Amino acid sequence: EIICLSTPSPFLAVGAHYAEFGQLADA
């Protein structure tokens, strides 16, 4: 099963769809 809320077209990049797209540190 796949649950996906949005399939934007054109799809540019994942981060382009977030106001904030920081990476998590190991900590």
mmCIF file of all heavy atoms, coordinates in Angstrom:
data_MODEL
# 
_entry.id   MODEL 
# 
loop_
_atom_site.group_PDB 
_atom_site.id 
_atom_site.type_symbol 
_atom_site.label_atom_id 
_atom_site.label_alt_id 
_atom_site.label_comp_id 
_atom_site.label_asym_id 
_atom_site.label_entity_id 
_atom_site.label_seq_id 
_atom_site.pdbx_PDB_ins_code 
_atom_site.Cartn_x 
_atom_site.Cartn_y 
_atom_site.Cartn_z 
_atom_site.occupancy 
_atom_site.B_iso_or_equiv 
_atom_site.pdbx_formal_charge 
_atom_site.auth_seq_id 
_atom_site.auth_comp_id 
_atom_site.auth_asym_id 
_atom_site.auth_atom_id 
_atom_site.pdbx_PDB_model_num 
ATOM 1   N N   . GLU A 1 1  ? 0.840  -1.198 0.000   1.00 0.00 ? 1  GLU A N   1 
ATOM 2   C CA  . GLU A 1 1  ? 0.000  0.000  0.000   1.00 0.00 ? 1  GLU A CA  1 
ATOM 3   C C   . GLU A 1 1  ? 0.876  1.248  0.000   1.00 0.00 ? 1  GLU A C   1 
ATOM 4   O O   . GLU A 1 1  ? 1.931  1.270  0.626   1.00 0.00 ? 1  GLU A O   1 
ATOM 5   C CB  . GLU A 1 1  ? -0.877 -0.007 1.252   1.00 0.00 ? 1  GLU A CB  1 
ATOM 6   C CG  . GLU A 1 1  ? -1.844 1.137  1.367   1.00 0.00 ? 1  GLU A CG  1 
ATOM 7   C CD  . GLU A 1 1  ? -2.702 1.046  2.626   1.00 0.00 ? 1  GLU A CD  1 
ATOM 8   O OE1 . GLU A 1 1  ? -2.647 0.037  3.355   1.00 0.00 ? 1  GLU A OE1 1 
ATOM 9   O OE2 . GLU A 1 1  ? -3.444 2.016  2.873   1.00 0.00 ? 1  GLU A OE2 1 
ATOM 10  N N   . ILE A 1 2  ? 0.414  2.284  -0.704  1.00 0.00 ? 2  ILE A N   1 
ATOM 11  C CA  . ILE A 1 2  ? 1.074  3.588  -0.679  1.00 0.00 ? 2  ILE A CA  1 
ATOM 12  C C   . ILE A 1 2  ? 0.063  4.622  -0.224  1.00 0.00 ? 2  ILE A C   1 
ATOM 13  O O   . ILE A 1 2  ? -1.061 4.666  -0.715  1.00 0.00 ? 2  ILE A O   1 
ATOM 14  C CB  . ILE A 1 2  ? 1.631  3.993  -2.062  1.00 0.00 ? 2  ILE A CB  1 
ATOM 15  C CG1 . ILE A 1 2  ? 2.778  3.072  -2.473  1.00 0.00 ? 2  ILE A CG1 1 
ATOM 16  C CG2 . ILE A 1 2  ? 2.103  5.459  -2.046  1.00 0.00 ? 2  ILE A CG2 1 
ATOM 17  C CD1 . ILE A 1 2  ? 3.359  3.375  -3.848  1.00 0.00 ? 2  ILE A CD1 1 
ATOM 18  N N   . ILE A 1 3  ? 0.496  5.438  0.734   1.00 0.00 ? 3  ILE A N   1 
ATOM 19  C CA  . ILE A 1 3  ? -0.287 6.583  1.163   1.00 0.00 ? 3  ILE A CA  1 
ATOM 20  C C   . ILE A 1 3  ? 0.535  7.810  0.809   1.00 0.00 ? 3  ILE A C   1 
ATOM 21  O O   . ILE A 1 3  ? 1.627  7.998  1.333   1.00 0.00 ? 3  ILE A O   1 
ATOM 22  C CB  . ILE A 1 3  ? -0.568 6.545  2.680   1.00 0.00 ? 3  ILE A CB  1 
ATOM 23  C CG1 . ILE A 1 3  ? -1.350 5.281  3.028   1.00 0.00 ? 3  ILE A CG1 1 
ATOM 24  C CG2 . ILE A 1 3  ? -1.307 7.807  3.117   1.00 0.00 ? 3  ILE A CG2 1 
ATOM 25  C CD1 . ILE A 1 3  ? -1.388 4.958  4.495   1.00 0.00 ? 3  ILE A CD1 1 
ATOM 26  N N   . CYS A 1 4  ? 0.040  8.612  -0.122  1.00 0.00 ? 4  CYS A N   1 
ATOM 27  C CA  . CYS A 1 4  ? 0.736  9.815  -0.567  1.00 0.00 ? 4  CYS A CA  1 
ATOM 28  C C   . CYS A 1 4  ? -0.273 10.948 -0.617  1.00 0.00 ? 4  CYS A C   1 
ATOM 29  O O   . CYS A 1 4  ? -1.321 10.827 -1.250  1.00 0.00 ? 4  CYS A O   1 
ATOM 30  C CB  . CYS A 1 4  ? 1.376  9.597  -1.930  1.00 0.00 ? 4  CYS A CB  1 
ATOM 31  S SG  . CYS A 1 4  ? 2.286  11.044 -2.522  1.00 0.00 ? 4  CYS A SG  1 
ATOM 32  N N   . LEU A 1 5  ? 0.054  12.043 0.062   1.00 0.00 ? 5  LEU A N   1 
ATOM 33  C CA  . LEU A 1 5  ? -0.881 13.154 0.166   1.00 0.00 ? 5  LEU A CA  1 
ATOM 34  C C   . LEU A 1 5  ? -0.903 14.064 -1.056  1.00 0.00 ? 5  LEU A C   1 
ATOM 35  O O   . LEU A 1 5  ? -1.909 14.691 -1.333  1.00 0.00 ? 5  LEU A O   1 
ATOM 36  C CB  . LEU A 1 5  ? -0.554 13.983 1.411   1.00 0.00 ? 5  LEU A CB  1 
ATOM 37  C CG  . LEU A 1 5  ? -0.567 13.223 2.742   1.00 0.00 ? 5  LEU A CG  1 
ATOM 38  C CD1 . LEU A 1 5  ? -0.201 14.160 3.881   1.00 0.00 ? 5  LEU A CD1 1 
ATOM 39  C CD2 . LEU A 1 5  ? -1.910 12.558 2.976   1.00 0.00 ? 5  LEU A CD2 1 
ATOM 40  N N   . SER A 1 6  ? 0.207  14.147 -1.778  1.00 0.00 ? 6  SER A N   1 
ATOM 41  C CA  . SER A 1 6  ? 0.275  15.084 -2.885  1.00 0.00 ? 6  SER A CA  1 
ATOM 42  C C   . SER A 1 6  ? 1.232  14.579 -3.959  1.00 0.00 ? 6  SER A C   1 
ATOM 43  O O   . SER A 1 6  ? 2.306  14.066 -3.653  1.00 0.00 ? 6  SER A O   1 
ATOM 44  C CB  . SER A 1 6  ? 0.742  16.450 -2.378  1.00 0.00 ? 6  SER A CB  1 
ATOM 45  O OG  . SER A 1 6  ? 0.871  17.376 -3.431  1.00 0.00 ? 6  SER A OG  1 
ATOM 46  N N   . THR A 1 7  ? 0.808  14.741 -5.214  1.00 0.00 ? 7  THR A N   1 
ATOM 47  C CA  . THR A 1 7  ? 1.675  14.405 -6.348  1.00 0.00 ? 7  THR A CA  1 
ATOM 48  C C   . THR A 1 7  ? 1.779  15.642 -7.252  1.00 0.00 ? 7  THR A C   1 
ATOM 49  O O   . THR A 1 7  ? 1.156  15.705 -8.310  1.00 0.00 ? 7  THR A O   1 
ATOM 50  C CB  . THR A 1 7  ? 1.106  13.205 -7.142  1.00 0.00 ? 7  THR A CB  1 
ATOM 51  O OG1 . THR A 1 7  ? -0.230 13.503 -7.517  1.00 0.00 ? 7  THR A OG1 1 
ATOM 52  C CG2 . THR A 1 7  ? 1.153  11.926 -6.342  1.00 0.00 ? 7  THR A CG2 1 
ATOM 53  N N   . PRO A 1 8  ? 2.562  16.637 -6.797  1.00 0.00 ? 8  PRO A N   1 
ATOM 54  C CA  . PRO A 1 8  ? 2.659  17.883 -7.557  1.00 0.00 ? 8  PRO A CA  1 
ATOM 55  C C   . PRO A 1 8  ? 3.234  17.658 -8.958  1.00 0.00 ? 8  PRO A C   1 
ATOM 56  O O   . PRO A 1 8  ? 4.087  16.807 -9.157  1.00 0.00 ? 8  PRO A O   1 
ATOM 57  C CB  . PRO A 1 8  ? 3.608  18.748 -6.723  1.00 0.00 ? 8  PRO A CB  1 
ATOM 58  C CG  . PRO A 1 8  ? 4.092  17.930 -5.603  1.00 0.00 ? 8  PRO A CG  1 
ATOM 59  C CD  . PRO A 1 8  ? 3.409  16.617 -5.625  1.00 0.00 ? 8  PRO A CD  1 
ATOM 60  N N   . SER A 1 9  ? 2.715  18.440 -9.888  1.00 0.00 ? 9  SER A N   1 
ATOM 61  C CA  . SER A 1 9  ? 3.217  18.374 -11.250 1.00 0.00 ? 9  SER A CA  1 
ATOM 62  C C   . SER A 1 9  ? 3.278  19.798 -11.798 1.00 0.00 ? 9  SER A C   1 
ATOM 63  O O   . SER A 1 9  ? 2.276  20.508 -11.761 1.00 0.00 ? 9  SER A O   1 
ATOM 64  C CB  . SER A 1 9  ? 2.288  17.519 -12.108 1.00 0.00 ? 9  SER A CB  1 
ATOM 65  O OG  . SER A 1 9  ? 2.789  17.411 -13.405 1.00 0.00 ? 9  SER A OG  1 
ATOM 66  N N   . PRO A 1 10 ? 4.410  20.243 -12.223 1.00 0.00 ? 10 PRO A N   1 
ATOM 67  C CA  . PRO A 1 10 ? 5.660  19.499 -12.276 1.00 0.00 ? 10 PRO A CA  1 
ATOM 68  C C   . PRO A 1 10 ? 6.262  19.351 -10.880 1.00 0.00 ? 10 PRO A C   1 
ATOM 69  O O   . PRO A 1 10 ? 6.067  20.184 -10.010 1.00 0.00 ? 10 PRO A O   1 
ATOM 70  C CB  . PRO A 1 10 ? 6.563  20.372 -13.152 1.00 0.00 ? 10 PRO A CB  1 
ATOM 71  C CG  . PRO A 1 10 ? 6.060  21.757 -12.938 1.00 0.00 ? 10 PRO A CG  1 
ATOM 72  C CD  . PRO A 1 10 ? 4.575  21.617 -12.721 1.00 0.00 ? 10 PRO A CD  1 
ATOM 73  N N   . PHE A 1 11 ? 6.986  18.249 -10.711 1.00 0.00 ? 11 PHE A N   1 
ATOM 74  C CA  . PHE A 1 11 ? 7.667  17.992 -9.440  1.00 0.00 ? 11 PHE A CA  1 
ATOM 75  C C   . PHE A 1 11 ? 9.081  18.534 -9.564  1.00 0.00 ? 11 PHE A C   1 
ATOM 76  O O   . PHE A 1 11 ? 9.824  18.120 -10.438 1.00 0.00 ? 11 PHE A O   1 
ATOM 77  C CB  . PHE A 1 11 ? 7.700  16.494 -9.143  1.00 0.00 ? 11 PHE A CB  1 
ATOM 78  C CG  . PHE A 1 11 ? 8.191  16.188 -7.757  1.00 0.00 ? 11 PHE A CG  1 
ATOM 79  C CD1 . PHE A 1 11 ? 7.296  16.069 -6.719  1.00 0.00 ? 11 PHE A CD1 1 
ATOM 80  C CD2 . PHE A 1 11 ? 9.539  16.036 -7.494  1.00 0.00 ? 11 PHE A CD2 1 
ATOM 81  C CE1 . PHE A 1 11 ? 7.720  15.792 -5.434  1.00 0.00 ? 11 PHE A CE1 1 
ATOM 82  C CE2 . PHE A 1 11 ? 9.991  15.766 -6.223  1.00 0.00 ? 11 PHE A CE2 1 
ATOM 83  C CZ  . PHE A 1 11 ? 9.074  15.644 -5.191  1.00 0.00 ? 11 PHE A CZ  1 
ATOM 84  N N   . LEU A 1 12 ? 9.437  19.481 -8.708  1.00 0.00 ? 12 LEU A N   1 
ATOM 85  C CA  . LEU A 1 12 ? 10.759 20.101 -8.799  1.00 0.00 ? 12 LEU A CA  1 
ATOM 86  C C   . LEU A 1 12 ? 11.774 19.421 -7.891  1.00 0.00 ? 12 LEU A C   1 
ATOM 87  O O   . LEU A 1 12 ? 12.762 18.888 -8.353  1.00 0.00 ? 12 LEU A O   1 
ATOM 88  C CB  . LEU A 1 12 ? 10.650 21.589 -8.477  1.00 0.00 ? 12 LEU A CB  1 
ATOM 89  C CG  . LEU A 1 12 ? 9.648  22.358 -9.356  1.00 0.00 ? 12 LEU A CG  1 
ATOM 90  C CD1 . LEU A 1 12 ? 9.470  23.774 -8.872  1.00 0.00 ? 12 LEU A CD1 1 
ATOM 91  C CD2 . LEU A 1 12 ? 10.077 22.300 -10.808 1.00 0.00 ? 12 LEU A CD2 1 
ATOM 92  N N   . ALA A 1 13 ? 11.530 19.459 -6.602  1.00 0.00 ? 13 ALA A N   1 
ATOM 93  C CA  . ALA A 1 13 ? 12.394 18.827 -5.613  1.00 0.00 ? 13 ALA A CA  1 
ATOM 94  C C   . ALA A 1 13 ? 11.603 18.725 -4.321  1.00 0.00 ? 13 ALA A C   1 
ATOM 95  O O   . ALA A 1 13 ? 10.704 19.527 -4.074  1.00 0.00 ? 13 ALA A O   1 
ATOM 96  C CB  . ALA A 1 13 ? 13.657 19.658 -5.388  1.00 0.00 ? 13 ALA A CB  1 
ATOM 97  N N   . VAL A 1 14 ? 11.937 17.759 -3.493  1.00 0.00 ? 14 VAL A N   1 
ATOM 98  C CA  . VAL A 1 14 ? 11.215 17.571 -2.231  1.00 0.00 ? 14 VAL A CA  1 
ATOM 99  C C   . VAL A 1 14 ? 11.263 18.838 -1.398  1.00 0.00 ? 14 VAL A C   1 
ATOM 100 O O   . VAL A 1 14 ? 10.241 19.343 -0.929  1.00 0.00 ? 14 VAL A O   1 
ATOM 101 C CB  . VAL A 1 14 ? 11.785 16.368 -1.443  1.00 0.00 ? 14 VAL A CB  1 
ATOM 102 C CG1 . VAL A 1 14 ? 11.154 16.288 -0.057  1.00 0.00 ? 14 VAL A CG1 1 
ATOM 103 C CG2 . VAL A 1 14 ? 11.565 15.070 -2.207  1.00 0.00 ? 14 VAL A CG2 1 
ATOM 104 N N   . GLY A 1 15 ? 12.440 19.386 -1.203  1.00 0.00 ? 15 GLY A N   1 
ATOM 105 C CA  . GLY A 1 15 ? 12.612 20.564 -0.358  1.00 0.00 ? 15 GLY A CA  1 
ATOM 106 C C   . GLY A 1 15 ? 11.841 21.789 -0.825  1.00 0.00 ? 15 GLY A C   1 
ATOM 107 O O   . GLY A 1 15 ? 11.520 22.667 -0.023  1.00 0.00 ? 15 GLY A O   1 
ATOM 108 N N   . ALA A 1 16 ? 11.506 21.835 -2.102  1.00 0.00 ? 16 ALA A N   1 
ATOM 109 C CA  . ALA A 1 16 ? 10.766 22.980 -2.643  1.00 0.00 ? 16 ALA A CA  1 
ATOM 110 C C   . ALA A 1 16 ? 9.337  23.048 -2.099  1.00 0.00 ? 16 ALA A C   1 
ATOM 111 O O   . ALA A 1 16 ? 8.689  24.084 -2.199  1.00 0.00 ? 16 ALA A O   1 
ATOM 112 C CB  . ALA A 1 16 ? 10.740 22.916 -4.168  1.00 0.00 ? 16 ALA A CB  1 
ATOM 113 N N   . HIS A 1 17 ? 8.871  21.972 -1.499  1.00 0.00 ? 17 HIS A N   1 
ATOM 114 C CA  . HIS A 1 17 ? 7.496  21.907 -1.001  1.00 0.00 ? 17 HIS A CA  1 
ATOM 115 C C   . HIS A 1 17 ? 7.404  22.104 0.514   1.00 0.00 ? 17 HIS A C   1 
ATOM 116 O O   . HIS A 1 17 ? 6.338  21.908 1.090   1.00 0.00 ? 17 HIS A O   1 
ATOM 117 C CB  . HIS A 1 17 ? 6.866  20.574 -1.404  1.00 0.00 ? 17 HIS A CB  1 
ATOM 118 C CG  . HIS A 1 17 ? 6.832  20.393 -2.885  1.00 0.00 ? 17 HIS A CG  1 
ATOM 119 N ND1 . HIS A 1 17 ? 5.849  20.942 -3.671  1.00 0.00 ? 17 HIS A ND1 1 
ATOM 120 C CD2 . HIS A 1 17 ? 7.693  19.781 -3.732  1.00 0.00 ? 17 HIS A CD2 1 
ATOM 121 C CE1 . HIS A 1 17 ? 6.082  20.645 -4.927  1.00 0.00 ? 17 HIS A CE1 1 
ATOM 122 N NE2 . HIS A 1 17 ? 7.206  19.944 -4.995  1.00 0.00 ? 17 HIS A NE2 1 
ATOM 123 N N   . TYR A 1 18 ? 8.501  22.458 1.123   1.00 0.00 ? 18 TYR A N   1 
ATOM 124 C CA  . TYR A 1 18 ? 8.551  22.689 2.564   1.00 0.00 ? 18 TYR A CA  1 
ATOM 125 C C   . TYR A 1 18 ? 8.985  24.120 2.850   1.00 0.00 ? 18 TYR A C   1 
ATOM 126 O O   . TYR A 1 18 ? 9.876  24.639 2.168   1.00 0.00 ? 18 TYR A O   1 
ATOM 127 C CB  . TYR A 1 18 ? 9.562  21.749 3.238   1.00 0.00 ? 18 TYR A CB  1 
ATOM 128 C CG  . TYR A 1 18 ? 9.096  20.320 3.373   1.00 0.00 ? 18 TYR A CG  1 
ATOM 129 C CD1 . TYR A 1 18 ? 9.289  19.398 2.351   1.00 0.00 ? 18 TYR A CD1 1 
ATOM 130 C CD2 . TYR A 1 18 ? 8.461  19.890 4.533   1.00 0.00 ? 18 TYR A CD2 1 
ATOM 131 C CE1 . TYR A 1 18 ? 8.870  18.082 2.480   1.00 0.00 ? 18 TYR A CE1 1 
ATOM 132 C CE2 . TYR A 1 18 ? 8.039  18.580 4.676   1.00 0.00 ? 18 TYR A CE2 1 
ATOM 133 C CZ  . TYR A 1 18 ? 8.249  17.681 3.640   1.00 0.00 ? 18 TYR A CZ  1 
ATOM 134 O OH  . TYR A 1 18 ? 7.834  16.385 3.782   1.00 0.00 ? 18 TYR A OH  1 
ATOM 135 N N   . ALA A 1 19 ? 8.391  24.735 3.871   1.00 0.00 ? 19 ALA A N   1 
ATOM 136 C CA  . ALA A 1 19 ? 8.848  26.057 4.310   1.00 0.00 ? 19 ALA A CA  1 
ATOM 137 C C   . ALA A 1 19 ? 10.206 25.930 4.987   1.00 0.00 ? 19 ALA A C   1 
ATOM 138 O O   . ALA A 1 19 ? 11.054 26.814 4.886   1.00 0.00 ? 19 ALA A O   1 
ATOM 139 C CB  . ALA A 1 19 ? 7.828  26.682 5.268   1.00 0.00 ? 19 ALA A CB  1 
ATOM 140 N N   . GLU A 1 20 ? 10.411 24.805 5.673   1.00 0.00 ? 20 GLU A N   1 
ATOM 141 C CA  . GLU A 1 20 ? 11.676 24.539 6.356   1.00 0.00 ? 20 GLU A CA  1 
ATOM 142 C C   . GLU A 1 20 ? 12.042 23.089 6.093   1.00 0.00 ? 20 GLU A C   1 
ATOM 143 O O   . GLU A 1 20 ? 11.236 22.182 6.317   1.00 0.00 ? 20 GLU A O   1 
ATOM 144 C CB  . GLU A 1 20 ? 11.488 24.768 7.867   1.00 0.00 ? 20 GLU A CB  1 
ATOM 145 C CG  . GLU A 1 20 ? 12.765 25.015 8.600   1.00 0.00 ? 20 GLU A CG  1 
ATOM 146 C CD  . GLU A 1 20 ? 12.486 25.330 10.065  1.00 0.00 ? 20 GLU A CD  1 
ATOM 147 O OE1 . GLU A 1 20 ? 11.697 26.239 10.332  1.00 0.00 ? 20 GLU A OE1 1 
ATOM 148 O OE2 . GLU A 1 20 ? 13.076 24.639 10.905  1.00 0.00 ? 20 GLU A OE2 1 
ATOM 149 N N   . PHE A 1 21 ? 13.261 22.834 5.614   1.00 0.00 ? 21 PHE A N   1 
ATOM 150 C CA  . PHE A 1 21 ? 13.641 21.476 5.213   1.00 0.00 ? 21 PHE A CA  1 
ATOM 151 C C   . PHE A 1 21 ? 15.043 21.147 5.710   1.00 0.00 ? 21 PHE A C   1 
ATOM 152 O O   . PHE A 1 21 ? 15.913 20.740 4.963   1.00 0.00 ? 21 PHE A O   1 
ATOM 153 C CB  . PHE A 1 21 ? 13.544 21.326 3.691   1.00 0.00 ? 21 PHE A CB  1 
ATOM 154 C CG  . PHE A 1 21 ? 13.594 19.906 3.209   1.00 0.00 ? 21 PHE A CG  1 
ATOM 155 C CD1 . PHE A 1 21 ? 12.597 19.013 3.559   1.00 0.00 ? 21 PHE A CD1 1 
ATOM 156 C CD2 . PHE A 1 21 ? 14.622 19.465 2.401   1.00 0.00 ? 21 PHE A CD2 1 
ATOM 157 C CE1 . PHE A 1 21 ? 12.631 17.699 3.114   1.00 0.00 ? 21 PHE A CE1 1 
ATOM 158 C CE2 . PHE A 1 21 ? 14.665 18.157 1.942   1.00 0.00 ? 21 PHE A CE2 1 
ATOM 159 C CZ  . PHE A 1 21 ? 13.665 17.273 2.295   1.00 0.00 ? 21 PHE A CZ  1 
ATOM 160 N N   . GLY A 1 22 ? 15.257 21.331 7.015   1.00 0.00 ? 22 GLY A N   1 
ATOM 161 C CA  . GLY A 1 22 ? 16.565 21.050 7.602   1.00 0.00 ? 22 GLY A CA  1 
ATOM 162 C C   . GLY A 1 22 ? 16.782 19.565 7.795   1.00 0.00 ? 22 GLY A C   1 
ATOM 163 O O   . GLY A 1 22 ? 15.836 18.786 7.876   1.00 0.00 ? 22 GLY A O   1 
ATOM 164 N N   . GLN A 1 23 ? 18.030 19.174 7.857   1.00 0.00 ? 23 GLN A N   1 
ATOM 165 C CA  . GLN A 1 23 ? 18.396 17.779 8.091   1.00 0.00 ? 23 GLN A CA  1 
ATOM 166 C C   . GLN A 1 23 ? 18.511 17.520 9.589   1.00 0.00 ? 23 GLN A C   1 
ATOM 167 O O   . GLN A 1 23 ? 18.896 18.402 10.350  1.00 0.00 ? 23 GLN A O   1 
ATOM 168 C CB  . GLN A 1 23 ? 19.738 17.470 7.413   1.00 0.00 ? 23 GLN A CB  1 
ATOM 169 C CG  . GLN A 1 23 ? 19.710 17.642 5.908   1.00 0.00 ? 23 GLN A CG  1 
ATOM 170 C CD  . GLN A 1 23 ? 18.740 16.687 5.233   1.00 0.00 ? 23 GLN A CD  1 
ATOM 171 O OE1 . GLN A 1 23 ? 18.801 15.488 5.443   1.00 0.00 ? 23 GLN A OE1 1 
ATOM 172 N NE2 . GLN A 1 23 ? 17.847 17.219 4.417   1.00 0.00 ? 23 GLN A NE2 1 
ATOM 173 N N   . LEU A 1 24 ? 18.176 16.314 10.007  1.00 0.00 ? 24 LEU A N   1 
ATOM 174 C CA  . LEU A 1 24 ? 18.329 15.920 11.401  1.00 0.00 ? 24 LEU A CA  1 
ATOM 175 C C   . LEU A 1 24 ? 19.763 15.470 11.645  1.00 0.00 ? 24 LEU A C   1 
ATOM 176 O O   . LEU A 1 24 ? 20.328 14.725 10.846  1.00 0.00 ? 24 LEU A O   1 
ATOM 177 C CB  . LEU A 1 24 ? 17.396 14.764 11.755  1.00 0.00 ? 24 LEU A CB  1 
ATOM 178 C CG  . LEU A 1 24 ? 15.916 15.082 11.886  1.00 0.00 ? 24 LEU A CG  1 
ATOM 179 C CD1 . LEU A 1 24 ? 15.128 13.802 12.161  1.00 0.00 ? 24 LEU A CD1 1 
ATOM 180 C CD2 . LEU A 1 24 ? 15.670 16.090 12.975  1.00 0.00 ? 24 LEU A CD2 1 
ATOM 181 N N   . ALA A 1 25 ? 20.302 15.902 12.754  1.00 0.00 ? 25 ALA A N   1 
ATOM 182 C CA  . ALA A 1 25 ? 21.630 15.436 13.173  1.00 0.00 ? 25 ALA A CA  1 
ATOM 183 C C   . ALA A 1 25 ? 21.467 14.091 13.877  1.00 0.00 ? 25 ALA A C   1 
ATOM 184 O O   . ALA A 1 25 ? 20.381 13.755 14.364  1.00 0.00 ? 25 ALA A O   1 
ATOM 185 C CB  . ALA A 1 25 ? 22.260 16.454 14.119  1.00 0.00 ? 25 ALA A CB  1 
ATOM 186 N N   . ASP A 1 26 ? 22.549 13.323 13.943  1.00 0.00 ? 26 ASP A N   1 
ATOM 187 C CA  . ASP A 1 26 ? 22.510 12.045 14.657  1.00 0.00 ? 26 ASP A CA  1 
ATOM 188 C C   . ASP A 1 26 ? 21.966 12.227 16.069  1.00 0.00 ? 26 ASP A C   1 
ATOM 189 O O   . ASP A 1 26 ? 21.178 11.411 16.546  1.00 0.00 ? 26 ASP A O   1 
ATOM 190 C CB  . ASP A 1 26 ? 23.908 11.423 14.730  1.00 0.00 ? 26 ASP A CB  1 
ATOM 191 C CG  . ASP A 1 26 ? 24.332 10.758 13.429  1.00 0.00 ? 26 ASP A CG  1 
ATOM 192 O OD1 . ASP A 1 26 ? 23.472 10.566 12.542  1.00 0.00 ? 26 ASP A OD1 1 
ATOM 193 O OD2 . ASP A 1 26 ? 25.516 10.424 13.311  1.00 0.00 ? 26 ASP A OD2 1 
ATOM 194 N N   . ALA A 1 27 ? 22.376 13.278 16.740  1.00 0.00 ? 27 ALA A N   1 
ATOM 195 C CA  . ALA A 1 27 ? 21.936 13.510 18.121  1.00 0.00 ? 27 ALA A CA  1 
ATOM 196 C C   . ALA A 1 27 ? 20.417 13.650 18.203  1.00 0.00 ? 27 ALA A C   1 
ATOM 197 O O   . ALA A 1 27 ? 19.801 13.176 19.165  1.00 0.00 ? 27 ALA A O   1 
ATOM 198 C CB  . ALA A 1 27 ? 22.615 14.752 18.687  1.00 0.00 ? 27 ALA A CB  1 
# 
